[in-house]
Amino acid sequence: MSAGYFSEPLVLIINTVVSAYIFILTIRVLLQYSGADSRNPISSFVIKVTKEPLKALKPIFPTVKDVNLSAITLMLVLQMLIGFVQWFGQAGLALWPIFIWSIAELTDSVITILIFSIFITIILSWINPGAQHPVVSLLYKITEPVLKPFQRWIPPMGGMDLSPMAALLGLQVLKMLLIPPLQALM
């Protein structure tokens, strides 16, 4: 058996666990930015899971205008850890490409989470409008900062709110404009 026999599953486990924690940190940033209710059971879970590591970083990286810089810093460091684990042992392993790759990955993740959140809220509004589940209220709260500008530009027409469709298109275009230039810097 070669060393790769055990290292590949180990890399998979590390990547999965760290990626899951980055996802939770991303949700925390979005919830805090949108002003979601911290008493919501989902919010409460996210806060508890991320509280200790962020407490140590908070004096160095404070929250500015509802943007939790300590969570963003931890997300970046963890994403870079994934990059180091994935490319460990490759010749010419440098900090700059992993840093840029990490920023591109995190940007892509945030936009993807917003896209899926909007898409889910669209489906929920068709299936079960006015649902009172904790997840549903958080989805609406997360998507609110993205949807508000589009709702001002596109008023409801005949009872249909087309602003989520415009927001989805805008997020896709934003993703297309931001990610390739970042990847080109690598």
C-alpha atoms as a PDB file:
ATOM      1  CA  MET A   1       0.000   0.000   0.000  1.00  0.00           C
ATOM      2  CA  SER A   2       1.275   3.432  -0.908  1.00  0.00           C
ATOM      3  CA  ALA A   3       1.184   6.573   1.208  1.00  0.00           C
ATOM      4  CA  GLY A   4      -1.573   7.947  -1.064  1.00  0.00           C
ATOM      5  CA  TYR A   5      -3.830   5.095   0.024  1.00  0.00           C
ATOM      6  CA  PHE A   6      -4.316   6.697   3.443  1.00  0.00           C
ATOM      7  CA  SER A   7      -3.618  10.318   2.560  1.00  0.00           C
ATOM      8  CA  GLU A   8      -6.477  10.712   0.058  1.00  0.00           C
ATOM      9  CA  PRO A   9      -9.210   9.718   2.555  1.00  0.00           C
ATOM     10  CA  LEU A  10      -7.554  11.931   5.178  1.00  0.00           C
ATOM     11  CA  VAL A  11      -7.568  14.880   2.764  1.00  0.00           C
ATOM     12  CA  LEU A  12     -11.244  14.181   2.021  1.00  0.00           C
ATOM     13  CA  ILE A  13     -12.121  14.163   5.731  1.00  0.00           C
ATOM     14  CA  ILE A  14     -10.173  17.368   6.459  1.00  0.00           C
ATOM     15  CA  ASN A  15     -11.642  19.089   3.413  1.00  0.00           C
ATOM     16  CA  THR A  16     -15.203  18.069   4.332  1.00  0.00           C
ATOM     17  CA  VAL A  17     -14.997  19.086   8.003  1.00  0.00           C
ATOM     18  CA  VAL A  18     -13.275  22.414   7.305  1.00  0.00           C
ATOM     19  CA  SER A  19     -15.627  23.188   4.391  1.00  0.00           C
ATOM     20  CA  ALA A  20     -18.653  22.516   6.611  1.00  0.00           C
ATOM     21  CA  TYR A  21     -17.292  24.912   9.234  1.00  0.00           C
ATOM     22  CA  ILE A  22     -16.608  27.550   6.568  1.00  0.00           C
ATOM     23  CA  PHE A  23     -20.231  27.138   5.449  1.00  0.00           C
ATOM     24  CA  ILE A  24     -21.442  27.732   9.015  1.00  0.00           C
ATOM     25  CA  LEU A  25     -19.193  30.808   9.308  1.00  0.00           C
ATOM     26  CA  THR A  26     -20.576  32.108   6.005  1.00  0.00           C
ATOM     27  CA  ILE A  27     -24.102  31.668   7.287  1.00  0.00           C
ATOM     28  CA  ARG A  28     -23.107  33.557  10.454  1.00  0.00           C
ATOM     29  CA  VAL A  29     -21.762  36.469   8.408  1.00  0.00           C
ATOM     30  CA  LEU A  30     -24.922  36.583   6.290  1.00  0.00           C
ATOM     31  CA  LEU A  31     -27.229  36.315   9.301  1.00  0.00           C
ATOM     32  CA  GLN A  32     -25.376  39.031  11.195  1.00  0.00           C
ATOM     33  CA  TYR A  33     -25.258  41.324   8.165  1.00  0.00           C
ATOM     34  CA  SER A  34     -28.977  40.894   7.505  1.00  0.00           C
ATOM     35  CA  GLY A  35     -29.896  41.430  11.160  1.00  0.00           C
ATOM     36  CA  ALA A  36     -31.523  38.018  11.586  1.00  0.00           C
ATOM     37  CA  ASP A  37     -33.097  37.147  14.913  1.00  0.00           C
ATOM     38  CA  SER A  38     -30.448  35.559  17.137  1.00  0.00           C
ATOM     39  CA  ARG A  39     -33.191  33.758  19.093  1.00  0.00           C
ATOM     40  CA  ASN A  40     -34.099  31.692  16.049  1.00  0.00           C
ATOM     41  CA  PRO A  41     -32.996  28.070  16.745  1.00  0.00           C
ATOM     42  CA  ILE A  42     -30.858  27.947  13.594  1.00  0.00           C
ATOM     43  CA  SER A  43     -29.209  31.297  14.377  1.00  0.00           C
ATOM     44  CA  SER A  44     -28.628  30.164  17.929  1.00  0.00           C
ATOM     45  CA  PHE A  45     -26.902  26.995  16.715  1.00  0.00           C
ATOM     46  CA  VAL A  46     -24.686  28.937  14.291  1.00  0.00           C
ATOM     47  CA  ILE A  47     -23.721  31.415  17.010  1.00  0.00           C
ATOM     48  CA  LYS A  48     -22.875  28.665  19.514  1.00  0.00           C
ATOM     49  CA  VAL A  49     -20.767  26.694  17.041  1.00  0.00           C
ATOM     50  CA  THR A  50     -18.740  29.737  15.997  1.00  0.00           C
ATOM     51  CA  LYS A  51     -18.596  31.679  19.267  1.00  0.00           C
ATOM     52  CA  GLU A  52     -15.289  30.445  20.760  1.00  0.00           C
ATOM     53  CA  PRO A  53     -12.964  30.864  17.752  1.00  0.00           C
ATOM     54  CA  LEU A  54     -14.468  34.257  16.926  1.00  0.00           C
ATOM     55  CA  LYS A  55     -14.135  35.471  20.515  1.00  0.00           C
ATOM     56  CA  ALA A  56     -10.331  35.214  20.188  1.00  0.00           C
ATOM     57  CA  LEU A  57     -10.289  37.091  16.856  1.00  0.00           C
ATOM     58  CA  LYS A  58     -12.831  39.784  17.721  1.00  0.00           C
ATOM     59  CA  PRO A  59     -10.352  42.175  19.447  1.00  0.00           C
ATOM     60  CA  ILE A  60      -8.151  42.134  16.342  1.00  0.00           C
ATOM     61  CA  PHE A  61     -10.913  41.989  13.697  1.00  0.00           C
ATOM     62  CA  PRO A  62     -14.058  43.767  14.978  1.00  0.00           C
ATOM     63  CA  THR A  63     -17.487  43.906  13.415  1.00  0.00           C
ATOM     64  CA  VAL A  64     -17.798  46.955  11.140  1.00  0.00           C
ATOM     65  CA  LYS A  65     -21.229  48.037   9.859  1.00  0.00           C
ATOM     66  CA  ASP A  66     -22.723  44.594  10.627  1.00  0.00           C
ATOM     67  CA  VAL A  67     -19.878  42.826   8.766  1.00  0.00           C
ATOM     68  CA  ASN A  68     -18.151  40.353  11.065  1.00  0.00           C
ATOM     69  CA  LEU A  69     -14.494  40.740  10.068  1.00  0.00           C
ATOM     70  CA  SER A  70     -13.335  38.088  12.546  1.00  0.00           C
ATOM     71  CA  ALA A  71     -15.582  35.488  10.875  1.00  0.00           C
ATOM     72  CA  ILE A  72     -14.403  36.534   7.405  1.00  0.00           C
ATOM     73  CA  THR A  73     -10.768  36.291   8.529  1.00  0.00           C
ATOM     74  CA  LEU A  74     -11.339  32.826   9.979  1.00  0.00           C
ATOM     75  CA  MET A  75     -13.121  31.765   6.788  1.00  0.00           C
ATOM     76  CA  LEU A  76     -10.141  32.937   4.733  1.00  0.00           C
ATOM     77  CA  VAL A  77      -7.605  31.174   6.958  1.00  0.00           C
ATOM     78  CA  LEU A  78      -9.593  27.922   6.878  1.00  0.00           C
ATOM     79  CA  GLN A  79     -10.047  28.131   3.105  1.00  0.00           C
ATOM     80  CA  MET A  80      -6.292  28.628   2.762  1.00  0.00           C
ATOM     81  CA  LEU A  81      -5.790  25.548   4.968  1.00  0.00           C
ATOM     82  CA  ILE A  82      -7.872  23.565   2.481  1.00  0.00           C
ATOM     83  CA  GLY A  83      -5.676  24.920  -0.312  1.00  0.00           C
ATOM     84  CA  PHE A  84      -2.489  23.903   1.481  1.00  0.00           C
ATOM     85  CA  VAL A  85      -3.879  20.411   2.160  1.00  0.00           C
ATOM     86  CA  GLN A  86      -4.994  19.975  -1.459  1.00  0.00           C
ATOM     87  CA  TRP A  87      -1.722  21.147  -2.971  1.00  0.00           C
ATOM     88  CA  PHE A  88       0.630  19.814  -0.290  1.00  0.00           C
ATOM     89  CA  GLY A  89       3.807  18.424  -1.785  1.00  0.00           C
ATOM     90  CA  GLN A  90       3.474  20.183  -5.120  1.00  0.00           C
ATOM     91  CA  ALA A  91       6.509  22.025  -6.370  1.00  0.00           C
ATOM     92  CA  GLY A  92       6.319  25.795  -6.160  1.00  0.00           C
ATOM     93  CA  LEU A  93       3.645  25.901  -3.473  1.00  0.00           C
ATOM     94  CA  ALA A  94       3.302  29.618  -2.799  1.00  0.00           C
ATOM     95  CA  LEU A  95       1.127  31.653  -0.474  1.00  0.00           C
ATOM     96  CA  TRP A  96      -0.154  34.150  -3.082  1.00  0.00           C
ATOM     97  CA  PRO A  97      -1.955  31.653  -5.380  1.00  0.00           C
ATOM     98  CA  ILE A  98      -3.567  29.928  -2.401  1.00  0.00           C
ATOM     99  CA  PHE A  99      -4.656  33.299  -0.986  1.00  0.00           C
ATOM    100  CA  ILE A 100      -6.237  34.340  -4.310  1.00  0.00           C
ATOM    101  CA  TRP A 101      -7.794  30.887  -4.765  1.00  0.00           C
ATOM    102  CA  SER A 102      -9.270  31.162  -1.261  1.00  0.00           C
ATOM    103  CA  ILE A 103     -10.803  34.578  -1.967  1.00  0.00           C
ATOM    104  CA  ALA A 104     -12.271  33.260  -5.236  1.00  0.00           C
ATOM    105  CA  GLU A 105     -13.698  30.184  -3.489  1.00  0.00           C
ATOM    106  CA  LEU A 106     -15.235  32.201  -0.658  1.00  0.00           C
ATOM    107  CA  THR A 107     -16.712  34.752  -3.056  1.00  0.00           C
ATOM    108  CA  ASP A 108     -18.162  31.942  -5.145  1.00  0.00           C
ATOM    109  CA  SER A 109     -19.586  30.279  -2.013  1.00  0.00           C
ATOM    110  CA  VAL A 110     -21.300  33.431  -0.742  1.00  0.00           C
ATOM    111  CA  ILE A 111     -22.874  34.147  -4.129  1.00  0.00           C
ATOM    112  CA  THR A 112     -23.942  30.497  -4.486  1.00  0.00           C
ATOM    113  CA  ILE A 113     -25.542  30.513  -1.023  1.00  0.00           C
ATOM    114  CA  LEU A 114     -27.456  33.679  -1.930  1.00  0.00           C
ATOM    115  CA  ILE A 115     -28.566  32.184  -5.264  1.00  0.00           C
ATOM    116  CA  PHE A 116     -29.832  28.993  -3.623  1.00  0.00           C
ATOM    117  CA  SER A 117     -31.497  30.964  -0.820  1.00  0.00           C
ATOM    118  CA  ILE A 118     -33.387  33.141  -3.295  1.00  0.00           C
ATOM    119  CA  PHE A 119     -34.316  30.127  -5.399  1.00  0.00           C
ATOM    120  CA  ILE A 120     -35.641  28.277  -2.344  1.00  0.00           C
ATOM    121  CA  THR A 121     -37.655  31.315  -1.211  1.00  0.00           C
ATOM    122  CA  ILE A 122     -39.186  31.535  -4.692  1.00  0.00           C
ATOM    123  CA  ILE A 123     -40.255  27.894  -4.548  1.00  0.00           C
ATOM    124  CA  LEU A 124     -41.539  28.271  -0.982  1.00  0.00           C
ATOM    125  CA  SER A 125     -43.609  31.305  -1.974  1.00  0.00           C
ATOM    126  CA  TRP A 126     -45.345  29.141  -4.587  1.00  0.00           C
ATOM    127  CA  ILE A 127     -45.773  26.027  -2.445  1.00  0.00           C
ATOM    128  CA  ASN A 128     -46.370  27.379   1.044  1.00  0.00           C
ATOM    129  CA  PRO A 129     -46.587  31.167   1.197  1.00  0.00           C
ATOM    130  CA  GLY A 130     -46.352  32.575   4.690  1.00  0.00           C
ATOM    131  CA  ALA A 131     -44.656  29.497   6.169  1.00  0.00           C
ATOM    132  CA  GLN A 132     -43.509  30.022   9.764  1.00  0.00           C
ATOM    133  CA  HIS A 133     -40.589  27.570   9.980  1.00  0.00           C
ATOM    134  CA  PRO A 134     -37.311  28.907  11.505  1.00  0.00           C
ATOM    135  CA  VAL A 135     -35.341  28.038   8.356  1.00  0.00           C
ATOM    136  CA  VAL A 136     -37.839  29.850   6.134  1.00  0.00           C
ATOM    137  CA  SER A 137     -37.656  33.054   8.175  1.00  0.00           C
ATOM    138  CA  LEU A 138     -33.840  32.981   8.018  1.00  0.00           C
ATOM    139  CA  LEU A 139     -33.871  32.423   4.266  1.00  0.00           C
ATOM    140  CA  TYR A 140     -36.093  35.459   3.808  1.00  0.00           C
ATOM    141  CA  LYS A 141     -33.882  37.498   6.133  1.00  0.00           C
ATOM    142  CA  ILE A 142     -30.653  36.454   4.336  1.00  0.00           C
ATOM    143  CA  THR A 143     -32.074  37.302   0.926  1.00  0.00           C
ATOM    144  CA  GLU A 144     -33.644  40.605   1.987  1.00  0.00           C
ATOM    145  CA  PRO A 145     -30.496  42.786   1.524  1.00  0.00           C
ATOM    146  CA  VAL A 146     -30.047  41.404  -1.988  1.00  0.00           C
ATOM    147  CA  LEU A 147     -33.693  41.631  -3.002  1.00  0.00           C
ATOM    148  CA  LYS A 148     -34.472  45.127  -1.636  1.00  0.00           C
ATOM    149  CA  PRO A 149     -32.702  47.095  -4.402  1.00  0.00           C
ATOM    150  CA  PHE A 150     -34.351  44.962  -7.075  1.00  0.00           C
ATOM    151  CA  GLN A 151     -37.773  45.385  -5.424  1.00  0.00           C
ATOM    152  CA  ARG A 152     -37.332  49.174  -5.623  1.00  0.00           C
ATOM    153  CA  TRP A 153     -36.473  48.986  -9.336  1.00  0.00           C
ATOM    154  CA  ILE A 154     -39.060  46.374 -10.325  1.00  0.00           C
ATOM    155  CA  PRO A 155     -42.484  46.871  -8.742  1.00  0.00           C
ATOM    156  CA  PRO A 156     -44.852  43.870  -8.522  1.00  0.00           C
ATOM    157  CA  MET A 157     -46.743  43.382 -11.781  1.00  0.00           C
ATOM    158  CA  GLY A 158     -50.157  41.796 -11.654  1.00  0.00           C
ATOM    159  CA  GLY A 159     -49.481  40.268  -8.251  1.00  0.00           C
ATOM    160  CA  MET A 160     -46.159  38.769  -9.399  1.00  0.00           C
ATOM    161  CA  ASP A 161     -42.882  39.852  -7.825  1.00  0.00           C
ATOM    162  CA  LEU A 162     -40.243  39.545 -10.529  1.00  0.00           C
ATOM    163  CA  SER A 163     -37.470  41.049  -8.421  1.00  0.00           C
ATOM    164  CA  PRO A 164     -36.132  37.629  -7.262  1.00  0.00           C
ATOM    165  CA  MET A 165     -35.638  36.607 -10.901  1.00  0.00           C
ATOM    166  CA  ALA A 166     -33.745  39.830 -11.576  1.00  0.00           C
ATOM    167  CA  ALA A 167     -31.667  39.280  -8.411  1.00  0.00           C
ATOM    168  CA  LEU A 168     -30.810  35.728  -9.526  1.00  0.00           C
ATOM    169  CA  LEU A 169     -29.707  37.066 -12.897  1.00  0.00           C
ATOM    170  CA  GLY A 170     -27.696  39.829 -11.229  1.00  0.00           C
ATOM    171  CA  LEU A 171     -25.952  37.369  -8.894  1.00  0.00           C
ATOM    172  CA  GLN A 172     -25.073  35.077 -11.802  1.00  0.00           C
ATOM    173  CA  VAL A 173     -23.615  38.011 -13.735  1.00  0.00           C
ATOM    174  CA  LEU A 174     -21.697  39.136 -10.630  1.00  0.00           C
ATOM    175  CA  LYS A 175     -20.270  35.632 -10.275  1.00  0.00           C
ATOM    176  CA  MET A 176     -19.221  35.637 -13.933  1.00  0.00           C
ATOM    177  CA  LEU A 177     -17.554  39.034 -13.559  1.00  0.00           C
ATOM    178  CA  LEU A 178     -15.738  38.406 -10.241  1.00  0.00           C
ATOM    179  CA  ILE A 179     -14.516  34.802 -10.233  1.00  0.00           C
ATOM    180  CA  PRO A 180     -12.616  34.537 -13.568  1.00  0.00           C
ATOM    181  CA  PRO A 181     -10.442  37.637 -12.921  1.00  0.00           C
ATOM    182  CA  LEU A 182      -9.583  36.309  -9.465  1.00  0.00           C
ATOM    183  CA  GLN A 183      -8.689  32.925 -10.915  1.00  0.00           C
ATOM    184  CA  ALA A 184      -6.555  34.637 -13.568  1.00  0.00           C
ATOM    185  CA  LEU A 185      -4.472  36.240 -10.791  1.00  0.00           C
ATOM    186  CA  MET A 186      -3.401  32.805  -9.607  1.00  0.00           C
END
